[in-house]
């Protein structure tokens, strides 16, 4: 039996050996500093969003906790809550981008997860920036509405992508059900059947964030669906 170093140059065996030396198995590759950075960054991202969103609600619950509820963006246009609102979305966007950047050099599903994080980060930043002026005129309001719709559609799609790659557990099943329920409520609100925008936003954001944290902590499960192609 020949050793990897004795394999003919350019042979399938040599290329496969060199590939394994570069990326290793999914688990061993992702459990080193990159994995820790991604996991920590995603947790800080979601923790920042949750904590400062809760502060906004505590400061002025009447904006959203009512029968004819409005959306969470109400907190971005009032001086009393604009600062925690801004920190929530800016912190979320920056740390999601940090996690995405750490995964940029990886392959297959990890690279796809990096793209997911970049898109999510961009949507959070666009949500924040479009909030400040959406009450000034109709064009700005339309921009903010479009960003909200894109986000409401992106999160369930991205959540489903993560769900199909993570280990199926009672927790992940619960999260995907909550995500889809939030999407359904968003459609109900858009059709003006019921004013449940805030509840839809809470359900989709919570379920998506929880799946995001789980995916960041189980990158080996994402990588298990990767397919590598070697030329003859």
C-alpha atoms as a PDB file:
ATOM      1  CA  UNK A   1       0.000   0.000   0.000  1.00  0.00           C
ATOM      2  CA  UNK A   2       1.456   3.356  -1.015  1.00  0.00           C
ATOM      3  CA  UNK A   3       1.448   6.340   1.284  1.00  0.00           C
ATOM      4  CA  UNK A   4      -0.145   9.633   0.224  1.00  0.00           C
ATOM      5  CA  UNK A   5       3.287  11.115  -0.378  1.00  0.00           C
ATOM      6  CA  UNK A   6       4.113   8.197  -2.727  1.00  0.00           C
ATOM      7  CA  UNK A   7       0.916   8.557  -4.763  1.00  0.00           C
ATOM      8  CA  UNK A   8       1.506   9.591  -8.388  1.00  0.00           C
ATOM      9  CA  UNK A   9       1.385  13.345  -8.794  1.00  0.00           C
ATOM     10  CA  UNK A  10      -2.006  14.533 -10.121  1.00  0.00           C
ATOM     11  CA  UNK A  11      -3.721  11.226  -9.335  1.00  0.00           C
ATOM     12  CA  UNK A  12      -7.176  11.128  -7.758  1.00  0.00           C
ATOM     13  CA  UNK A  13      -5.655   9.696  -4.547  1.00  0.00           C
ATOM     14  CA  UNK A  14      -3.152  12.536  -4.237  1.00  0.00           C
ATOM     15  CA  UNK A  15      -5.745  15.229  -4.896  1.00  0.00           C
ATOM     16  CA  UNK A  16      -8.151  13.665  -2.416  1.00  0.00           C
ATOM     17  CA  UNK A  17      -5.402  13.464   0.212  1.00  0.00           C
ATOM     18  CA  UNK A  18      -4.344  17.067  -0.353  1.00  0.00           C
ATOM     19  CA  UNK A  19      -7.974  18.185  -0.191  1.00  0.00           C
ATOM     20  CA  UNK A  20      -8.497  16.397   3.132  1.00  0.00           C
ATOM     21  CA  UNK A  21      -5.324  17.951   4.517  1.00  0.00           C
ATOM     22  CA  UNK A  22      -6.589  21.422   3.558  1.00  0.00           C
ATOM     23  CA  UNK A  23     -10.163  21.233   4.831  1.00  0.00           C
ATOM     24  CA  UNK A  24     -10.215  18.157   7.048  1.00  0.00           C
ATOM     25  CA  UNK A  25     -13.517  16.629   8.049  1.00  0.00           C
ATOM     26  CA  UNK A  26     -16.466  18.991   8.529  1.00  0.00           C
ATOM     27  CA  UNK A  27     -16.387  18.635  12.282  1.00  0.00           C
ATOM     28  CA  UNK A  28     -12.649  19.083  12.807  1.00  0.00           C
ATOM     29  CA  UNK A  29     -12.503  22.009  10.405  1.00  0.00           C
ATOM     30  CA  UNK A  30     -15.308  23.939  12.071  1.00  0.00           C
ATOM     31  CA  UNK A  31     -14.516  23.322  15.746  1.00  0.00           C
ATOM     32  CA  UNK A  32     -11.388  25.475  15.712  1.00  0.00           C
ATOM     33  CA  UNK A  33     -11.147  29.281  16.153  1.00  0.00           C
ATOM     34  CA  UNK A  34     -13.308  30.025  13.088  1.00  0.00           C
ATOM     35  CA  UNK A  35     -16.178  28.019  14.550  1.00  0.00           C
ATOM     36  CA  UNK A  36     -15.850  29.762  17.908  1.00  0.00           C
ATOM     37  CA  UNK A  37     -15.813  33.189  16.254  1.00  0.00           C
ATOM     38  CA  UNK A  38     -18.874  32.411  14.136  1.00  0.00           C
ATOM     39  CA  UNK A  39     -20.785  30.984  17.088  1.00  0.00           C
ATOM     40  CA  UNK A  40     -19.931  33.928  19.332  1.00  0.00           C
ATOM     41  CA  UNK A  41     -20.682  36.547  16.667  1.00  0.00           C
ATOM     42  CA  UNK A  42     -24.090  35.068  15.817  1.00  0.00           C
ATOM     43  CA  UNK A  43     -25.021  34.850  19.489  1.00  0.00           C
ATOM     44  CA  UNK A  44     -24.023  38.476  20.078  1.00  0.00           C
ATOM     45  CA  UNK A  45     -25.944  39.496  16.947  1.00  0.00           C
ATOM     46  CA  UNK A  46     -29.163  37.877  18.122  1.00  0.00           C
ATOM     47  CA  UNK A  47     -28.619  38.844  21.738  1.00  0.00           C
ATOM     48  CA  UNK A  48     -28.202  42.471  20.742  1.00  0.00           C
ATOM     49  CA  UNK A  49     -31.380  42.402  18.674  1.00  0.00           C
ATOM     50  CA  UNK A  50     -33.392  40.720  21.428  1.00  0.00           C
ATOM     51  CA  UNK A  51     -32.073  42.791  24.348  1.00  0.00           C
ATOM     52  CA  UNK A  52     -32.448  46.239  22.826  1.00  0.00           C
ATOM     53  CA  UNK A  53     -35.776  45.329  21.233  1.00  0.00           C
ATOM     54  CA  UNK A  54     -37.014  44.364  24.688  1.00  0.00           C
ATOM     55  CA  UNK A  55     -35.764  47.698  26.025  1.00  0.00           C
ATOM     56  CA  UNK A  56     -37.772  49.501  23.334  1.00  0.00           C
ATOM     57  CA  UNK A  57     -40.916  47.630  24.284  1.00  0.00           C
ATOM     58  CA  UNK A  58     -40.332  48.271  27.988  1.00  0.00           C
ATOM     59  CA  UNK A  59     -39.870  52.002  27.350  1.00  0.00           C
ATOM     60  CA  UNK A  60     -43.054  52.333  25.319  1.00  0.00           C
ATOM     61  CA  UNK A  61     -45.206  49.171  25.119  1.00  0.00           C
ATOM     62  CA  UNK A  62     -48.131  51.106  23.690  1.00  0.00           C
ATOM     63  CA  UNK A  63     -46.539  51.317  20.252  1.00  0.00           C
ATOM     64  CA  UNK A  64     -47.082  47.618  19.575  1.00  0.00           C
ATOM     65  CA  UNK A  65     -48.952  45.964  22.453  1.00  0.00           C
ATOM     66  CA  UNK A  66     -52.467  46.921  21.431  1.00  0.00           C
ATOM     67  CA  UNK A  67     -55.273  45.383  19.400  1.00  0.00           C
ATOM     68  CA  UNK A  68     -54.627  47.519  16.340  1.00  0.00           C
ATOM     69  CA  UNK A  69     -50.916  46.882  16.625  1.00  0.00           C
ATOM     70  CA  UNK A  70     -48.319  48.601  14.523  1.00  0.00           C
ATOM     71  CA  UNK A  71     -44.935  47.323  13.411  1.00  0.00           C
ATOM     72  CA  UNK A  72     -41.680  47.407  15.345  1.00  0.00           C
ATOM     73  CA  UNK A  73     -40.439  50.286  13.179  1.00  0.00           C
ATOM     74  CA  UNK A  74     -42.518  52.640  15.319  1.00  0.00           C
ATOM     75  CA  UNK A  75     -39.668  52.541  17.806  1.00  0.00           C
ATOM     76  CA  UNK A  76     -37.218  53.974  15.307  1.00  0.00           C
ATOM     77  CA  UNK A  77     -39.014  57.257  14.753  1.00  0.00           C
ATOM     78  CA  UNK A  78     -39.448  58.407  18.362  1.00  0.00           C
ATOM     79  CA  UNK A  79     -36.629  60.009  20.312  1.00  0.00           C
ATOM     80  CA  UNK A  80     -37.356  57.992  23.445  1.00  0.00           C
ATOM     81  CA  UNK A  81     -36.729  54.654  21.733  1.00  0.00           C
ATOM     82  CA  UNK A  82     -34.667  55.551  18.643  1.00  0.00           C
ATOM     83  CA  UNK A  83     -31.317  54.886  20.334  1.00  0.00           C
ATOM     84  CA  UNK A  84     -32.013  51.339  21.605  1.00  0.00           C
ATOM     85  CA  UNK A  85     -33.799  50.598  18.325  1.00  0.00           C
ATOM     86  CA  UNK A  86     -30.724  51.679  16.370  1.00  0.00           C
ATOM     87  CA  UNK A  87     -28.368  49.677  18.591  1.00  0.00           C
ATOM     88  CA  UNK A  88     -30.557  46.588  18.177  1.00  0.00           C
ATOM     89  CA  UNK A  89     -30.427  46.583  14.380  1.00  0.00           C
ATOM     90  CA  UNK A  90     -26.927  47.978  13.925  1.00  0.00           C
ATOM     91  CA  UNK A  91     -25.412  45.519  16.410  1.00  0.00           C
ATOM     92  CA  UNK A  92     -27.316  42.659  14.818  1.00  0.00           C
ATOM     93  CA  UNK A  93     -26.119  43.626  11.322  1.00  0.00           C
ATOM     94  CA  UNK A  94     -22.479  44.171  12.260  1.00  0.00           C
ATOM     95  CA  UNK A  95     -22.032  40.927  14.172  1.00  0.00           C
ATOM     96  CA  UNK A  96     -23.876  38.899  11.528  1.00  0.00           C
ATOM     97  CA  UNK A  97     -21.483  40.340   8.929  1.00  0.00           C
ATOM     98  CA  UNK A  98     -18.551  39.484  11.192  1.00  0.00           C
ATOM     99  CA  UNK A  99     -19.673  35.850  11.325  1.00  0.00           C
ATOM    100  CA  UNK A 100     -20.189  35.809   7.562  1.00  0.00           C
ATOM    101  CA  UNK A 101     -16.700  37.184   6.963  1.00  0.00           C
ATOM    102  CA  UNK A 102     -15.183  34.436   9.120  1.00  0.00           C
ATOM    103  CA  UNK A 103     -16.844  31.777   6.938  1.00  0.00           C
ATOM    104  CA  UNK A 104     -16.080  33.410   3.593  1.00  0.00           C
ATOM    105  CA  UNK A 105     -13.123  31.123   2.848  1.00  0.00           C
ATOM    106  CA  UNK A 106     -14.956  27.888   3.598  1.00  0.00           C
ATOM    107  CA  UNK A 107     -16.586  25.601   1.079  1.00  0.00           C
ATOM    108  CA  UNK A 108     -20.031  24.391   0.099  1.00  0.00           C
ATOM    109  CA  UNK A 109     -22.731  24.688   2.792  1.00  0.00           C
ATOM    110  CA  UNK A 110     -20.528  26.808   5.054  1.00  0.00           C
ATOM    111  CA  UNK A 111     -20.028  29.261   2.207  1.00  0.00           C
ATOM    112  CA  UNK A 112     -23.773  29.269   1.623  1.00  0.00           C
ATOM    113  CA  UNK A 113     -24.287  29.982   5.309  1.00  0.00           C
ATOM    114  CA  UNK A 114     -21.865  32.881   4.958  1.00  0.00           C
ATOM    115  CA  UNK A 115     -23.964  34.279   2.096  1.00  0.00           C
ATOM    116  CA  UNK A 116     -27.105  33.846   4.197  1.00  0.00           C
ATOM    117  CA  UNK A 117     -25.513  35.880   6.985  1.00  0.00           C
ATOM    118  CA  UNK A 118     -24.387  38.613   4.599  1.00  0.00           C
ATOM    119  CA  UNK A 119     -27.890  38.970   3.145  1.00  0.00           C
ATOM    120  CA  UNK A 120     -29.395  38.985   6.631  1.00  0.00           C
ATOM    121  CA  UNK A 121     -26.920  41.642   7.748  1.00  0.00           C
ATOM    122  CA  UNK A 122     -27.747  43.811   4.715  1.00  0.00           C
ATOM    123  CA  UNK A 123     -31.489  43.489   5.356  1.00  0.00           C
ATOM    124  CA  UNK A 124     -31.102  44.490   9.007  1.00  0.00           C
ATOM    125  CA  UNK A 125     -29.072  47.533   7.972  1.00  0.00           C
ATOM    126  CA  UNK A 126     -31.579  48.479   5.257  1.00  0.00           C
ATOM    127  CA  UNK A 127     -34.414  48.098   7.762  1.00  0.00           C
ATOM    128  CA  UNK A 128     -32.668  50.466  10.139  1.00  0.00           C
ATOM    129  CA  UNK A 129     -31.807  53.109   7.549  1.00  0.00           C
ATOM    130  CA  UNK A 130     -35.213  53.036   5.872  1.00  0.00           C
ATOM    131  CA  UNK A 131     -36.957  53.444   9.242  1.00  0.00           C
ATOM    132  CA  UNK A 132     -35.747  56.963   9.966  1.00  0.00           C
ATOM    133  CA  UNK A 133     -37.507  58.694   7.093  1.00  0.00           C
ATOM    134  CA  UNK A 134     -40.429  56.445   6.216  1.00  0.00           C
ATOM    135  CA  UNK A 135     -42.974  58.820   7.758  1.00  0.00           C
ATOM    136  CA  UNK A 136     -41.774  61.794   5.697  1.00  0.00           C
ATOM    137  CA  UNK A 137     -43.299  60.879   2.344  1.00  0.00           C
ATOM    138  CA  UNK A 138     -44.796  58.033   0.338  1.00  0.00           C
ATOM    139  CA  UNK A 139     -41.655  57.083  -1.657  1.00  0.00           C
ATOM    140  CA  UNK A 140     -39.662  56.574   1.556  1.00  0.00           C
ATOM    141  CA  UNK A 141     -42.555  54.689   3.100  1.00  0.00           C
ATOM    142  CA  UNK A 142     -42.692  52.439   0.039  1.00  0.00           C
ATOM    143  CA  UNK A 143     -38.958  51.739   0.320  1.00  0.00           C
ATOM    144  CA  UNK A 144     -39.364  50.758   3.962  1.00  0.00           C
ATOM    145  CA  UNK A 145     -42.370  48.581   3.127  1.00  0.00           C
ATOM    146  CA  UNK A 146     -40.471  46.765   0.380  1.00  0.00           C
ATOM    147  CA  UNK A 147     -37.525  46.126   2.718  1.00  0.00           C
ATOM    148  CA  UNK A 148     -39.956  44.756   5.302  1.00  0.00           C
ATOM    149  CA  UNK A 149     -41.619  42.445   2.791  1.00  0.00           C
ATOM    150  CA  UNK A 150     -38.271  41.157   1.502  1.00  0.00           C
ATOM    151  CA  UNK A 151     -37.138  40.495   5.078  1.00  0.00           C
ATOM    152  CA  UNK A 152     -40.412  38.752   5.924  1.00  0.00           C
ATOM    153  CA  UNK A 153     -39.924  36.448   2.922  1.00  0.00           C
ATOM    154  CA  UNK A 154     -36.184  35.945   3.339  1.00  0.00           C
ATOM    155  CA  UNK A 155     -36.295  34.782   6.947  1.00  0.00           C
ATOM    156  CA  UNK A 156     -38.705  31.841   6.405  1.00  0.00           C
ATOM    157  CA  UNK A 157     -36.810  30.739   3.281  1.00  0.00           C
ATOM    158  CA  UNK A 158     -33.459  30.940   5.065  1.00  0.00           C
ATOM    159  CA  UNK A 159     -34.948  29.249   8.126  1.00  0.00           C
ATOM    160  CA  UNK A 160     -36.178  26.370   5.962  1.00  0.00           C
ATOM    161  CA  UNK A 161     -32.726  26.035   4.371  1.00  0.00           C
ATOM    162  CA  UNK A 162     -31.151  25.732   7.833  1.00  0.00           C
ATOM    163  CA  UNK A 163     -33.882  23.400   9.083  1.00  0.00           C
ATOM    164  CA  UNK A 164     -33.362  20.940   6.233  1.00  0.00           C
ATOM    165  CA  UNK A 165     -29.646  20.730   7.031  1.00  0.00           C
ATOM    166  CA  UNK A 166     -29.720  20.593  10.812  1.00  0.00           C
ATOM    167  CA  UNK A 167     -30.527  17.523  12.842  1.00  0.00           C
ATOM    168  CA  UNK A 168     -34.296  17.188  13.203  1.00  0.00           C
ATOM    169  CA  UNK A 169     -35.189  17.675  16.845  1.00  0.00           C
ATOM    170  CA  UNK A 170     -38.329  18.746  18.695  1.00  0.00           C
ATOM    171  CA  UNK A 171     -36.746  22.197  19.091  1.00  0.00           C
ATOM    172  CA  UNK A 172     -35.941  22.719  15.410  1.00  0.00           C
ATOM    173  CA  UNK A 173     -39.405  21.447  14.414  1.00  0.00           C
ATOM    174  CA  UNK A 174     -40.987  23.893  16.845  1.00  0.00           C
ATOM    175  CA  UNK A 175     -38.912  26.728  15.416  1.00  0.00           C
ATOM    176  CA  UNK A 176     -39.827  26.042  11.810  1.00  0.00           C
ATOM    177  CA  UNK A 177     -43.524  25.853  12.753  1.00  0.00           C
ATOM    178  CA  UNK A 178     -43.227  29.226  14.522  1.00  0.00           C
ATOM    179  CA  UNK A 179     -41.430  30.669  11.503  1.00  0.00           C
ATOM    180  CA  UNK A 180     -44.155  29.562   9.113  1.00  0.00           C
ATOM    181  CA  UNK A 181     -46.842  30.753  11.513  1.00  0.00           C
ATOM    182  CA  UNK A 182     -45.196  34.171  11.571  1.00  0.00           C
ATOM    183  CA  UNK A 183     -45.145  34.236   7.773  1.00  0.00           C
ATOM    184  CA  UNK A 184     -48.857  33.346   7.669  1.00  0.00           C
ATOM    185  CA  UNK A 185     -49.647  36.156  10.116  1.00  0.00           C
ATOM    186  CA  UNK A 186     -47.607  38.543   7.995  1.00  0.00           C
ATOM    187  CA  UNK A 187     -49.740  37.673   4.973  1.00  0.00           C
ATOM    188  CA  UNK A 188     -52.918  38.151   7.052  1.00  0.00           C
ATOM    189  CA  UNK A 189     -51.707  41.597   8.106  1.00  0.00           C
ATOM    190  CA  UNK A 190     -50.709  42.541   4.554  1.00  0.00           C
ATOM    191  CA  UNK A 191     -54.191  41.627   3.325  1.00  0.00           C
ATOM    192  CA  UNK A 192     -55.632  43.823   6.118  1.00  0.00           C
ATOM    193  CA  UNK A 193     -57.626  40.944   7.572  1.00  0.00           C
ATOM    194  CA  UNK A 194     -56.157  41.511  11.033  1.00  0.00           C
ATOM    195  CA  UNK A 195     -53.540  43.965  12.317  1.00  0.00           C
ATOM    196  CA  UNK A 196     -50.985  41.460  13.610  1.00  0.00           C
ATOM    197  CA  UNK A 197     -47.771  42.830  12.117  1.00  0.00           C
ATOM    198  CA  UNK A 198     -45.866  42.994  15.389  1.00  0.00           C
ATOM    199  CA  UNK A 199     -46.781  39.422  16.341  1.00  0.00           C
ATOM    200  CA  UNK A 200     -45.718  38.250  12.870  1.00  0.00           C
ATOM    201  CA  UNK A 201     -42.408  40.091  13.239  1.00  0.00           C
ATOM    202  CA  UNK A 202     -41.766  38.633  16.686  1.00  0.00           C
ATOM    203  CA  UNK A 203     -42.470  35.051  15.619  1.00  0.00           C
ATOM    204  CA  UNK A 204     -40.383  35.174  12.453  1.00  0.00           C
ATOM    205  CA  UNK A 205     -37.481  37.036  14.092  1.00  0.00           C
ATOM    206  CA  UNK A 206     -37.385  34.745  17.131  1.00  0.00           C
ATOM    207  CA  UNK A 207     -37.611  31.489  15.197  1.00  0.00           C
ATOM    208  CA  UNK A 208     -35.124  32.624  12.558  1.00  0.00           C
ATOM    209  CA  UNK A 209     -32.691  33.887  15.190  1.00  0.00           C
ATOM    210  CA  UNK A 210     -32.879  30.660  17.183  1.00  0.00           C
ATOM    211  CA  UNK A 211     -32.235  28.569  14.060  1.00  0.00           C
ATOM    212  CA  UNK A 212     -29.372  30.892  13.160  1.00  0.00           C
ATOM    213  CA  UNK A 213     -27.765  30.364  16.562  1.00  0.00           C
ATOM    214  CA  UNK A 214     -28.208  26.598  16.311  1.00  0.00           C
ATOM    215  CA  UNK A 215     -26.743  26.498  12.799  1.00  0.00           C
ATOM    216  CA  UNK A 216     -23.743  28.567  13.920  1.00  0.00           C
ATOM    217  CA  UNK A 217     -23.145  26.089  16.727  1.00  0.00           C
ATOM    218  CA  UNK A 218     -23.489  23.043  14.457  1.00  0.00           C
ATOM    219  CA  UNK A 219     -21.536  23.946  11.336  1.00  0.00           C
ATOM    220  CA  UNK A 220     -20.583  20.294  10.931  1.00  0.00           C
ATOM    221  CA  UNK A 221     -24.258  19.499  10.257  1.00  0.00           C
ATOM    222  CA  UNK A 222     -24.357  22.114   7.496  1.00  0.00           C
ATOM    223  CA  UNK A 223     -21.141  20.707   6.079  1.00  0.00           C
ATOM    224  CA  UNK A 224     -22.482  17.157   6.096  1.00  0.00           C
ATOM    225  CA  UNK A 225     -24.619  18.092   3.083  1.00  0.00           C
ATOM    226  CA  UNK A 226     -21.626  19.372   1.114  1.00  0.00           C
ATOM    227  CA  UNK A 227     -20.640  17.617  -2.085  1.00  0.00           C
ATOM    228  CA  UNK A 228     -17.117  17.797  -3.394  1.00  0.00           C
ATOM    229  CA  UNK A 229     -16.286  17.134  -7.036  1.00  0.00           C
ATOM    230  CA  UNK A 230     -12.890  15.774  -8.051  1.00  0.00           C
ATOM    231  CA  UNK A 231     -11.706  15.634 -11.595  1.00  0.00           C
ATOM    232  CA  UNK A 232     -10.156  12.491 -12.927  1.00  0.00           C
END
